[in-house]
């Protein structure tokens, strides 16, 4: 079954989320929930790609990260999907449907 993340026309950073660097770690804070979420180095790269608009679709994120790290897209896709689904479950990203 295809995930909503995979088919979203655009993945956006939630307006309820702020990002900070604390002691070398990227931390996302959900302002409404008052919860925080820590990112590792790869998660930070993905977050910045979404935040600055470099890649806003699932396929674009996979391609960009694969090229950056010299990996096959089918090798990294499951991990990126899992990461995005986790962000979505914590309301840190929003998905737009419809055409790109």
PDB file of N, CA and C in Angstrom:
ATOM      1  N   UNK A   1       0.839  -1.181   0.000  1.00  0.00           N
ATOM      2  CA  UNK A   1       0.000   0.000   0.000  1.00  0.00           C
ATOM      3  C   UNK A   1       0.885   1.245   0.000  1.00  0.00           C
ATOM      4  N   UNK A   2       0.548   2.208  -0.812  1.00  0.00           N
ATOM      5  CA  UNK A   2       1.312   3.435  -0.922  1.00  0.00           C
ATOM      6  C   UNK A   2       0.948   4.386   0.214  1.00  0.00           C
ATOM      7  N   UNK A   3       1.957   4.992   0.796  1.00  0.00           N
ATOM      8  CA  UNK A   3       1.786   5.920   1.906  1.00  0.00           C
ATOM      9  C   UNK A   3       1.361   7.300   1.403  1.00  0.00           C
ATOM     10  N   UNK A   4       0.665   8.051   2.245  1.00  0.00           N
ATOM     11  CA  UNK A   4       0.311   9.433   1.911  1.00  0.00           C
ATOM     12  C   UNK A   4       1.561  10.282   1.695  1.00  0.00           C
ATOM     13  N   UNK A   5       2.630   9.982   2.436  1.00  0.00           N
ATOM     14  CA  UNK A   5       3.884  10.710   2.271  1.00  0.00           C
ATOM     15  C   UNK A   5       4.417  10.517   0.856  1.00  0.00           C
ATOM     16  N   UNK A   6       4.327   9.301   0.340  1.00  0.00           N
ATOM     17  CA  UNK A   6       4.850   9.005  -0.994  1.00  0.00           C
ATOM     18  C   UNK A   6       4.075   9.713  -2.091  1.00  0.00           C
ATOM     19  N   UNK A   7       2.795   9.973  -1.877  1.00  0.00           N
ATOM     20  CA  UNK A   7       1.955  10.549  -2.922  1.00  0.00           C
ATOM     21  C   UNK A   7       1.663  12.040  -2.727  1.00  0.00           C
ATOM     22  N   UNK A   8       2.116  12.626  -1.639  1.00  0.00           N
ATOM     23  CA  UNK A   8       1.842  14.040  -1.365  1.00  0.00           C
ATOM     24  C   UNK A   8       2.442  14.922  -2.458  1.00  0.00           C
ATOM     25  N   UNK A   9       1.677  15.920  -2.851  1.00  0.00           N
ATOM     26  CA  UNK A   9       2.172  16.877  -3.840  1.00  0.00           C
ATOM     27  C   UNK A   9       3.277  17.739  -3.236  1.00  0.00           C
ATOM     28  N   UNK A  10       3.199  17.943  -1.934  1.00  0.00           N
ATOM     29  CA  UNK A  10       4.200  18.764  -1.258  1.00  0.00           C
ATOM     30  C   UNK A  10       4.249  18.380   0.219  1.00  0.00           C
ATOM     31  N   UNK A  11       5.459  18.291   0.745  1.00  0.00           N
ATOM     32  CA  UNK A  11       5.668  18.056   2.172  1.00  0.00           C
ATOM     33  C   UNK A  11       6.202  19.360   2.739  1.00  0.00           C
ATOM     34  N   UNK A  12       5.537  19.862   3.761  1.00  0.00           N
ATOM     35  CA  UNK A  12       5.931  21.141   4.355  1.00  0.00           C
ATOM     36  C   UNK A  12       6.254  20.976   5.840  1.00  0.00           C
ATOM     37  N   UNK A  13       7.145  21.807   6.302  1.00  0.00           N
ATOM     38  CA  UNK A  13       7.432  21.893   7.723  1.00  0.00           C
ATOM     39  C   UNK A  13       6.220  22.535   8.396  1.00  0.00           C
ATOM     40  N   UNK A  14       5.780  21.980   9.506  1.00  0.00           N
ATOM     41  CA  UNK A  14       4.623  22.506  10.223  1.00  0.00           C
ATOM     42  C   UNK A  14       4.915  23.908  10.753  1.00  0.00           C
ATOM     43  N   UNK A  15       3.927  24.773  10.677  1.00  0.00           N
ATOM     44  CA  UNK A  15       4.075  26.129  11.221  1.00  0.00           C
ATOM     45  C   UNK A  15       4.111  26.123  12.746  1.00  0.00           C
ATOM     46  N   UNK A  16       3.744  25.003  13.349  1.00  0.00           N
ATOM     47  CA  UNK A  16       3.794  24.861  14.809  1.00  0.00           C
ATOM     48  C   UNK A  16       5.139  24.341  15.299  1.00  0.00           C
ATOM     49  N   UNK A  17       6.118  24.287  14.415  1.00  0.00           N
ATOM     50  CA  UNK A  17       7.403  23.699  14.751  1.00  0.00           C
ATOM     51  C   UNK A  17       8.525  24.729  14.613  1.00  0.00           C
ATOM     52  N   UNK A  18       9.407  24.750  15.600  1.00  0.00           N
ATOM     53  CA  UNK A  18      10.624  25.550  15.502  1.00  0.00           C
ATOM     54  C   UNK A  18      11.811  24.605  15.635  1.00  0.00           C
ATOM     55  N   UNK A  19      12.915  24.996  15.026  1.00  0.00           N
ATOM     56  CA  UNK A  19      14.113  24.161  15.049  1.00  0.00           C
ATOM     57  C   UNK A  19      15.242  24.944  15.706  1.00  0.00           C
ATOM     58  N   UNK A  20      16.029  24.259  16.511  1.00  0.00           N
ATOM     59  CA  UNK A  20      17.173  24.860  17.191  1.00  0.00           C
ATOM     60  C   UNK A  20      18.343  23.876  17.182  1.00  0.00           C
ATOM     61  N   UNK A  21      19.527  24.443  17.190  1.00  0.00           N
ATOM     62  CA  UNK A  21      20.742  23.650  17.374  1.00  0.00           C
ATOM     63  C   UNK A  21      21.130  23.764  18.843  1.00  0.00           C
ATOM     64  N   UNK A  22      21.215  22.636  19.521  1.00  0.00           N
ATOM     65  CA  UNK A  22      21.577  22.624  20.937  1.00  0.00           C
ATOM     66  C   UNK A  22      22.707  21.621  21.125  1.00  0.00           C
ATOM     67  N   UNK A  23      23.877  22.150  21.489  1.00  0.00           N
ATOM     68  CA  UNK A  23      25.059  21.314  21.718  1.00  0.00           C
ATOM     69  C   UNK A  23      25.328  20.380  20.551  1.00  0.00           C
ATOM     70  N   UNK A  24      25.236  20.908  19.336  1.00  0.00           N
ATOM     71  CA  UNK A  24      25.537  20.129  18.141  1.00  0.00           C
ATOM     72  C   UNK A  24      24.427  19.218  17.660  1.00  0.00           C
ATOM     73  N   UNK A  25      23.289  19.232  18.330  1.00  0.00           N
ATOM     74  CA  UNK A  25      22.161  18.396  17.926  1.00  0.00           C
ATOM     75  C   UNK A  25      21.033  19.286  17.416  1.00  0.00           C
ATOM     76  N   UNK A  26      20.342  18.824  16.393  1.00  0.00           N
ATOM     77  CA  UNK A  26      19.168  19.538  15.894  1.00  0.00           C
ATOM     78  C   UNK A  26      17.956  19.064  16.684  1.00  0.00           C
ATOM     79  N   UNK A  27      17.233  20.022  17.235  1.00  0.00           N
ATOM     80  CA  UNK A  27      16.052  19.716  18.036  1.00  0.00           C
ATOM     81  C   UNK A  27      14.857  20.446  17.438  1.00  0.00           C
ATOM     82  N   UNK A  28      13.783  19.703  17.216  1.00  0.00           N
ATOM     83  CA  UNK A  28      12.525  20.271  16.742  1.00  0.00           C
ATOM     84  C   UNK A  28      11.589  20.393  17.935  1.00  0.00           C
ATOM     85  N   UNK A  29      10.957  21.536  18.074  1.00  0.00           N
ATOM     86  CA  UNK A  29      10.006  21.753  19.156  1.00  0.00           C
ATOM     87  C   UNK A  29       8.643  22.042  18.561  1.00  0.00           C
ATOM     88  N   UNK A  30       7.673  21.230  18.937  1.00  0.00           N
ATOM     89  CA  UNK A  30       6.294  21.452  18.509  1.00  0.00           C
ATOM     90  C   UNK A  30       5.673  22.401  19.526  1.00  0.00           C
ATOM     91  N   UNK A  31       5.378  23.618  19.099  1.00  0.00           N
ATOM     92  CA  UNK A  31       4.932  24.674  20.000  1.00  0.00           C
ATOM     93  C   UNK A  31       3.590  24.385  20.656  1.00  0.00           C
ATOM     94  N   UNK A  32       2.659  23.807  19.932  1.00  0.00           N
ATOM     95  CA  UNK A  32       1.331  23.541  20.473  1.00  0.00           C
ATOM     96  C   UNK A  32       1.351  22.384  21.465  1.00  0.00           C
ATOM     97  N   UNK A  33       2.055  21.327  21.108  1.00  0.00           N
ATOM     98  CA  UNK A  33       2.122  20.142  21.971  1.00  0.00           C
ATOM     99  C   UNK A  33       3.129  20.293  23.106  1.00  0.00           C
ATOM    100  N   UNK A  34       4.146  21.137  22.888  1.00  0.00           N
ATOM    101  CA  UNK A  34       5.200  21.288  23.893  1.00  0.00           C
ATOM    102  C   UNK A  34       6.147  20.105  23.926  1.00  0.00           C
ATOM    103  N   UNK A  35       6.229  19.371  22.835  1.00  0.00           N
ATOM    104  CA  UNK A  35       7.122  18.223  22.760  1.00  0.00           C
ATOM    105  C   UNK A  35       8.311  18.541  21.863  1.00  0.00           C
ATOM    106  N   UNK A  36       9.389  17.827  22.081  1.00  0.00           N
ATOM    107  CA  UNK A  36      10.554  18.015  21.229  1.00  0.00           C
ATOM    108  C   UNK A  36      10.981  16.706  20.619  1.00  0.00           C
ATOM    109  N   UNK A  37      11.751  16.832  19.547  1.00  0.00           N
ATOM    110  CA  UNK A  37      12.143  15.684  18.740  1.00  0.00           C
ATOM    111  C   UNK A  37      13.573  15.938  18.279  1.00  0.00           C
ATOM    112  N   UNK A  38      14.499  15.048  18.609  1.00  0.00           N
ATOM    113  CA  UNK A  38      15.893  15.208  18.215  1.00  0.00           C
ATOM    114  C   UNK A  38      16.182  14.534  16.883  1.00  0.00           C
ATOM    115  N   UNK A  39      17.042  15.165  16.072  1.00  0.00           N
ATOM    116  CA  UNK A  39      17.426  14.625  14.768  1.00  0.00           C
ATOM    117  C   UNK A  39      18.900  14.259  14.744  1.00  0.00           C
ATOM    118  N   UNK A  40      19.219  13.158  14.076  1.00  0.00           N
ATOM    119  CA  UNK A  40      20.619  12.821  13.825  1.00  0.00           C
ATOM    120  C   UNK A  40      21.095  13.596  12.604  1.00  0.00           C
ATOM    121  N   UNK A  41      22.313  13.347  12.173  1.00  0.00           N
ATOM    122  CA  UNK A  41      22.897  14.111  11.060  1.00  0.00           C
ATOM    123  C   UNK A  41      22.086  13.972   9.775  1.00  0.00           C
ATOM    124  N   UNK A  42      21.677  12.762   9.430  1.00  0.00           N
ATOM    125  CA  UNK A  42      20.906  12.559   8.204  1.00  0.00           C
ATOM    126  C   UNK A  42      19.514  13.174   8.332  1.00  0.00           C
ATOM    127  N   UNK A  43      18.896  13.031   9.496  1.00  0.00           N
ATOM    128  CA  UNK A  43      17.603  13.661   9.732  1.00  0.00           C
ATOM    129  C   UNK A  43      17.685  15.176   9.596  1.00  0.00           C
ATOM    130  N   UNK A  44      18.796  15.734  10.050  1.00  0.00           N
ATOM    131  CA  UNK A  44      19.008  17.177   9.935  1.00  0.00           C
ATOM    132  C   UNK A  44      19.106  17.587   8.472  1.00  0.00           C
ATOM    133  N   UNK A  45      19.816  16.809   7.652  1.00  0.00           N
ATOM    134  CA  UNK A  45      19.918  17.092   6.217  1.00  0.00           C
ATOM    135  C   UNK A  45      18.524  17.070   5.591  1.00  0.00           C
ATOM    136  N   UNK A  46      17.746  16.037   5.883  1.00  0.00           N
ATOM    137  CA  UNK A  46      16.390  15.933   5.338  1.00  0.00           C
ATOM    138  C   UNK A  46      15.525  17.112   5.777  1.00  0.00           C
ATOM    139  N   UNK A  47      15.627  17.470   7.043  1.00  0.00           N
ATOM    140  CA  UNK A  47      14.841  18.585   7.565  1.00  0.00           C
ATOM    141  C   UNK A  47      15.176  19.871   6.812  1.00  0.00           C
ATOM    142  N   UNK A  48      16.460  20.140   6.631  1.00  0.00           N
ATOM    143  CA  UNK A  48      16.867  21.367   5.943  1.00  0.00           C
ATOM    144  C   UNK A  48      16.419  21.369   4.478  1.00  0.00           C
ATOM    145  N   UNK A  49      16.420  20.212   3.833  1.00  0.00           N
ATOM    146  CA  UNK A  49      15.924  20.135   2.452  1.00  0.00           C
ATOM    147  C   UNK A  49      14.452  20.522   2.389  1.00  0.00           C
ATOM    148  N   UNK A  50      13.680  20.070   3.370  1.00  0.00           N
ATOM    149  CA  UNK A  50      12.261  20.437   3.429  1.00  0.00           C
ATOM    150  C   UNK A  50      12.096  21.908   3.803  1.00  0.00           C
ATOM    151  N   UNK A  51      12.857  22.328   4.787  1.00  0.00           N
ATOM    152  CA  UNK A  51      12.719  23.684   5.319  1.00  0.00           C
ATOM    153  C   UNK A  51      13.068  24.759   4.292  1.00  0.00           C
ATOM    154  N   UNK A  52      14.129  24.523   3.524  1.00  0.00           N
ATOM    155  CA  UNK A  52      14.537  25.556   2.556  1.00  0.00           C
ATOM    156  C   UNK A  52      13.898  25.373   1.181  1.00  0.00           C
ATOM    157  N   UNK A  53      13.084  24.322   1.031  1.00  0.00           N
ATOM    158  CA  UNK A  53      12.363  24.115  -0.221  1.00  0.00           C
ATOM    159  C   UNK A  53      13.163  23.437  -1.316  1.00  0.00           C
ATOM    160  N   UNK A  54      14.372  22.955  -0.986  1.00  0.00           N
ATOM    161  CA  UNK A  54      15.192  22.260  -1.978  1.00  0.00           C
ATOM    162  C   UNK A  54      14.469  21.031  -2.511  1.00  0.00           C
ATOM    163  N   UNK A  55      13.863  20.276  -1.625  1.00  0.00           N
ATOM    164  CA  UNK A  55      13.087  19.089  -2.005  1.00  0.00           C
ATOM    165  C   UNK A  55      11.834  19.077  -1.139  1.00  0.00           C
ATOM    166  N   UNK A  56      10.692  19.031  -1.780  1.00  0.00           N
ATOM    167  CA  UNK A  56       9.435  19.072  -1.029  1.00  0.00           C
ATOM    168  C   UNK A  56       8.518  17.900  -1.358  1.00  0.00           C
ATOM    169  N   UNK A  57       9.018  16.963  -2.148  1.00  0.00           N
ATOM    170  CA  UNK A  57       8.276  15.739  -2.463  1.00  0.00           C
ATOM    171  C   UNK A  57       9.141  14.554  -2.056  1.00  0.00           C
ATOM    172  N   UNK A  58       8.494  13.451  -1.762  1.00  0.00           N
ATOM    173  CA  UNK A  58       9.198  12.249  -1.342  1.00  0.00           C
ATOM    174  C   UNK A  58      10.252  11.837  -2.365  1.00  0.00           C
ATOM    175  N   UNK A  59       9.881  11.782  -3.640  1.00  0.00           N
ATOM    176  CA  UNK A  59      10.839  11.354  -4.656  1.00  0.00           C
ATOM    177  C   UNK A  59      12.021  12.325  -4.774  1.00  0.00           C
ATOM    178  N   UNK A  60      11.759  13.616  -4.583  1.00  0.00           N
ATOM    179  CA  UNK A  60      12.841  14.599  -4.623  1.00  0.00           C
ATOM    180  C   UNK A  60      13.808  14.453  -3.467  1.00  0.00           C
ATOM    181  N   UNK A  61      13.286  14.152  -2.298  1.00  0.00           N
ATOM    182  CA  UNK A  61      14.148  13.922  -1.134  1.00  0.00           C
ATOM    183  C   UNK A  61      15.043  12.709  -1.354  1.00  0.00           C
ATOM    184  N   UNK A  62      14.444  11.640  -1.844  1.00  0.00           N
ATOM    185  CA  UNK A  62      15.219  10.416  -2.085  1.00  0.00           C
ATOM    186  C   UNK A  62      16.335  10.682  -3.090  1.00  0.00           C
ATOM    187  N   UNK A  63      16.009  11.312  -4.192  1.00  0.00           N
ATOM    188  CA  UNK A  63      17.000  11.590  -5.227  1.00  0.00           C
ATOM    189  C   UNK A  63      18.121  12.475  -4.698  1.00  0.00           C
ATOM    190  N   UNK A  64      17.767  13.535  -3.995  1.00  0.00           N
ATOM    191  CA  UNK A  64      18.767  14.468  -3.468  1.00  0.00           C
ATOM    192  C   UNK A  64      19.706  13.781  -2.477  1.00  0.00           C
ATOM    193  N   UNK A  65      19.147  13.010  -1.563  1.00  0.00           N
ATOM    194  CA  UNK A  65      19.966  12.328  -0.559  1.00  0.00           C
ATOM    195  C   UNK A  65      20.814  11.234  -1.206  1.00  0.00           C
ATOM    196  N   UNK A  66      20.245  10.499  -2.147  1.00  0.00           N
ATOM    197  CA  UNK A  66      21.001   9.448  -2.843  1.00  0.00           C
ATOM    198  C   UNK A  66      22.213  10.044  -3.556  1.00  0.00           C
ATOM    199  N   UNK A  67      22.008  11.164  -4.234  1.00  0.00           N
ATOM    200  CA  UNK A  67      23.114  11.814  -4.937  1.00  0.00           C
ATOM    201  C   UNK A  67      24.150  12.348  -3.960  1.00  0.00           C
ATOM    202  N   UNK A  68      23.695  12.936  -2.882  1.00  0.00           N
ATOM    203  CA  UNK A  68      24.610  13.522  -1.886  1.00  0.00           C
ATOM    204  C   UNK A  68      25.495  12.469  -1.233  1.00  0.00           C
ATOM    205  N   UNK A  69      24.929  11.294  -0.946  1.00  0.00           N
ATOM    206  CA  UNK A  69      25.666  10.258  -0.226  1.00  0.00           C
ATOM    207  C   UNK A  69      26.120   9.096  -1.105  1.00  0.00           C
ATOM    208  N   UNK A  70      25.850   9.170  -2.417  1.00  0.00           N
ATOM    209  CA  UNK A  70      26.280   8.111  -3.320  1.00  0.00           C
ATOM    210  C   UNK A  70      25.617   6.773  -3.043  1.00  0.00           C
ATOM    211  N   UNK A  71      24.332   6.799  -2.755  1.00  0.00           N
ATOM    212  CA  UNK A  71      23.577   5.583  -2.448  1.00  0.00           C
ATOM    213  C   UNK A  71      22.492   5.369  -3.491  1.00  0.00           C
ATOM    214  N   UNK A  72      22.014   4.156  -3.598  1.00  0.00           N
ATOM    215  CA  UNK A  72      20.904   3.838  -4.509  1.00  0.00           C
ATOM    216  C   UNK A  72      19.592   4.306  -3.892  1.00  0.00           C
ATOM    217  N   UNK A  73      18.719   4.855  -4.732  1.00  0.00           N
ATOM    218  CA  UNK A  73      17.443   5.372  -4.227  1.00  0.00           C
ATOM    219  C   UNK A  73      16.600   4.280  -3.564  1.00  0.00           C
ATOM    220  N   UNK A  74      16.589   3.086  -4.147  1.00  0.00           N
ATOM    221  CA  UNK A  74      15.771   2.015  -3.561  1.00  0.00           C
ATOM    222  C   UNK A  74      16.347   1.529  -2.235  1.00  0.00           C
ATOM    223  N   UNK A  75      17.610   1.805  -1.994  1.00  0.00           N
ATOM    224  CA  UNK A  75      18.252   1.420  -0.733  1.00  0.00           C
ATOM    225  C   UNK A  75      17.863   2.375   0.404  1.00  0.00           C
ATOM    226  N   UNK A  76      17.717   3.653   0.098  1.00  0.00           N
ATOM    227  CA  UNK A  76      17.447   4.632   1.151  1.00  0.00           C
ATOM    228  C   UNK A  76      15.967   4.987   1.298  1.00  0.00           C
ATOM    229  N   UNK A  77      15.164   4.691   0.305  1.00  0.00           N
ATOM    230  CA  UNK A  77      13.743   5.068   0.327  1.00  0.00           C
ATOM    231  C   UNK A  77      12.999   4.585   1.576  1.00  0.00           C
ATOM    232  N   UNK A  78      13.168   3.331   1.994  1.00  0.00           N
ATOM    233  CA  UNK A  78      12.417   2.887   3.181  1.00  0.00           C
ATOM    234  C   UNK A  78      12.763   3.674   4.445  1.00  0.00           C
ATOM    235  N   UNK A  79      14.042   4.014   4.617  1.00  0.00           N
ATOM    236  CA  UNK A  79      14.441   4.775   5.805  1.00  0.00           C
ATOM    237  C   UNK A  79      13.904   6.196   5.765  1.00  0.00           C
ATOM    238  N   UNK A  80      13.935   6.814   4.589  1.00  0.00           N
ATOM    239  CA  UNK A  80      13.409   8.170   4.463  1.00  0.00           C
ATOM    240  C   UNK A  80      11.899   8.169   4.679  1.00  0.00           C
ATOM    241  N   UNK A  81      11.213   7.188   4.136  1.00  0.00           N
ATOM    242  CA  UNK A  81       9.768   7.076   4.340  1.00  0.00           C
ATOM    243  C   UNK A  81       9.453   6.922   5.831  1.00  0.00           C
ATOM    244  N   UNK A  82      10.176   6.068   6.511  1.00  0.00           N
ATOM    245  CA  UNK A  82       9.961   5.856   7.940  1.00  0.00           C
ATOM    246  C   UNK A  82      10.183   7.146   8.725  1.00  0.00           C
ATOM    247  N   UNK A  83      11.235   7.871   8.390  1.00  0.00           N
ATOM    248  CA  UNK A  83      11.535   9.146   9.047  1.00  0.00           C
ATOM    249  C   UNK A  83      10.399  10.148   8.832  1.00  0.00           C
ATOM    250  N   UNK A  84       9.944  10.279   7.594  1.00  0.00           N
ATOM    251  CA  UNK A  84       8.873  11.228   7.284  1.00  0.00           C
ATOM    252  C   UNK A  84       7.556  10.836   7.944  1.00  0.00           C
ATOM    253  N   UNK A  85       7.259   9.547   7.969  1.00  0.00           N
ATOM    254  CA  UNK A  85       6.036   9.078   8.633  1.00  0.00           C
ATOM    255  C   UNK A  85       6.098   9.388  10.132  1.00  0.00           C
ATOM    256  N   UNK A  86       7.283   9.270  10.720  1.00  0.00           N
ATOM    257  CA  UNK A  86       7.457   9.588  12.132  1.00  0.00           C
ATOM    258  C   UNK A  86       7.250  11.088  12.371  1.00  0.00           C
ATOM    259  N   UNK A  87       7.826  11.926  11.510  1.00  0.00           N
ATOM    260  CA  UNK A  87       7.613  13.366  11.628  1.00  0.00           C
ATOM    261  C   UNK A  87       6.132  13.701  11.498  1.00  0.00           C
ATOM    262  N   UNK A  88       5.477  13.043  10.563  1.00  0.00           N
ATOM    263  CA  UNK A  88       4.042  13.271  10.347  1.00  0.00           C
ATOM    264  C   UNK A  88       3.229  12.856  11.571  1.00  0.00           C
ATOM    265  N   UNK A  89       3.570  11.726  12.171  1.00  0.00           N
ATOM    266  CA  UNK A  89       2.863  11.247  13.362  1.00  0.00           C
ATOM    267  C   UNK A  89       3.004  12.224  14.530  1.00  0.00           C
ATOM    268  N   UNK A  90       4.104  12.980  14.546  1.00  0.00           N
ATOM    269  CA  UNK A  90       4.334  13.969  15.599  1.00  0.00           C
ATOM    270  C   UNK A  90       3.885  15.371  15.179  1.00  0.00           C
ATOM    271  N   UNK A  91       3.176  15.468  14.056  1.00  0.00           N
ATOM    272  CA  UNK A  91       2.664  16.741  13.524  1.00  0.00           C
ATOM    273  C   UNK A  91       3.774  17.762  13.256  1.00  0.00           C
ATOM    274  N   UNK A  92       4.940  17.288  12.863  1.00  0.00           N
ATOM    275  CA  UNK A  92       6.063  18.177  12.564  1.00  0.00           C
ATOM    276  C   UNK A  92       6.132  18.534  11.087  1.00  0.00           C
ATOM    277  N   UNK A  93       5.437  17.774  10.257  1.00  0.00           N
ATOM    278  CA  UNK A  93       5.291  18.098   8.834  1.00  0.00           C
ATOM    279  C   UNK A  93       3.825  18.006   8.473  1.00  0.00           C
ATOM    280  N   UNK A  94       3.463  18.675   7.394  1.00  0.00           N
ATOM    281  CA  UNK A  94       2.112  18.566   6.855  1.00  0.00           C
ATOM    282  C   UNK A  94       2.231  18.127   5.394  1.00  0.00           C
ATOM    283  N   UNK A  95       1.196  17.468   4.921  1.00  0.00           N
ATOM    284  CA  UNK A  95       1.174  16.969   3.550  1.00  0.00           C
ATOM    285  C   UNK A  95       0.096  17.685   2.756  1.00  0.00           C
ATOM    286  N   UNK A  96       0.451  18.118   1.565  1.00  0.00           N
ATOM    287  CA  UNK A  96      -0.524  18.718   0.680  1.00  0.00           C
ATOM    288  C   UNK A  96      -0.834  17.707  -0.421  1.00  0.00           C
ATOM    289  N   UNK A  97      -2.087  17.564  -0.715  1.00  0.00           N
ATOM    290  CA  UNK A  97      -2.493  16.662  -1.791  1.00  0.00           C
ATOM    291  C   UNK A  97      -2.781  17.464  -3.045  1.00  0.00           C
ATOM    292  N   UNK A  98      -2.993  16.783  -4.118  1.00  0.00           N
ATOM    293  CA  UNK A  98      -3.284  17.448  -5.389  1.00  0.00           C
ATOM    294  C   UNK A  98      -2.050  17.504  -6.254  1.00  0.00           C
ATOM    295  N   UNK A  99      -2.122  18.265  -7.339  1.00  0.00           N
ATOM    296  CA  UNK A  99      -1.001  18.324  -8.248  1.00  0.00           C
ATOM    297  C   UNK A  99       0.104  19.187  -7.678  1.00  0.00           C
ATOM    298  N   UNK A 100       1.346  18.864  -8.106  1.00  0.00           N
ATOM    299  CA  UNK A 100       2.537  19.561  -7.592  1.00  0.00           C
ATOM    300  C   UNK A 100       2.605  20.982  -8.110  1.00  0.00           C
TER     301      UNK A 100
END
